[in-house]
Protein backbone atom coordinates (compact mmCIF):
# COMPACT_ATOMS: atom_id res chain seq x y z
CA UNK A 1 32.50 21.84 19.72
CA UNK A 2 32.53 24.87 21.63
CA UNK A 3 29.92 25.33 24.59
CA UNK A 4 28.21 28.60 23.73
CA UNK A 5 26.11 28.87 27.03
CA UNK A 6 28.00 29.90 30.44
CA UNK A 7 27.49 26.19 32.41
CA UNK A 8 30.16 26.71 34.84
CA UNK A 9 29.01 24.83 37.74
CA UNK A 10 26.22 23.15 36.26
CA UNK A 11 26.11 19.32 35.48
CA UNK A 12 25.77 17.97 32.50
CA UNK A 13 25.19 13.89 31.68
CA UNK A 14 26.81 13.02 28.71
CA UNK A 15 25.78 9.43 27.74
CA UNK A 16 27.80 7.34 24.86
CA UNK A 17 30.77 9.49 26.27
CA UNK A 18 33.46 6.47 25.04
CA UNK A 19 33.78 7.69 21.86
CA UNK A 20 32.64 9.78 18.98
CA UNK A 21 30.04 12.69 19.62
CA UNK A 22 29.60 11.94 22.93
CA UNK A 23 33.60 11.93 23.82
CA UNK A 24 33.68 15.47 21.93
CA UNK A 25 30.67 17.00 24.01
CA UNK A 26 32.09 15.84 27.37
CA UNK A 27 35.26 17.30 26.93
CA UNK A 28 33.51 20.86 25.76
CA UNK A 29 31.35 20.82 28.28
CA UNK A 30 34.59 20.06 31.09
CA UNK A 31 36.52 23.07 28.67
CA UNK A 32 33.76 25.17 29.53
CA UNK A 33 34.02 24.20 33.08
CA UNK A 34 30.82 21.91 34.18
CA UNK A 35 31.14 19.49 36.29
CA UNK A 36 30.62 16.55 33.70
CA UNK A 37 28.63 12.80 34.52
CA UNK A 38 29.67 10.44 31.91
CA UNK A 39 27.97 6.96 31.00
CA UNK A 40 29.19 4.79 28.20
CA UNK A 41 30.72 0.95 27.54
CA UNK A 42 33.43 0.02 27.64
CA UNK A 43 34.70 1.16 30.94
CA UNK A 44 38.51 1.15 29.60
CA UNK A 45 37.38 3.99 26.61
CA UNK A 46 35.50 5.66 29.14
CA UNK A 47 38.25 6.14 31.64
CA UNK A 48 40.22 7.77 28.63
CA UNK A 49 37.76 10.58 28.16
CA UNK A 50 37.21 10.82 32.26
CA UNK A 51 40.34 11.08 32.28
CA UNK A 52 41.06 13.77 29.12
CA UNK A 53 37.96 16.03 30.56
CA UNK A 54 39.76 16.01 34.38
CA UNK A 55 43.11 17.29 32.38
CA UNK A 56 41.11 20.44 30.83
CA UNK A 57 39.33 21.58 33.76
């Protein structure tokens, strides 16, 4: 998934970010240089996605 708008410096709030579409969306916004706020359960899966987002920035 690619973010086509310029979101650098913007804040993206992604719910359901621990898996599936939410995780893919969070990674895409991170790669596009947005600040990403993640919300989801379970915490361990969310932490893994957060680490991925940080690595792609």
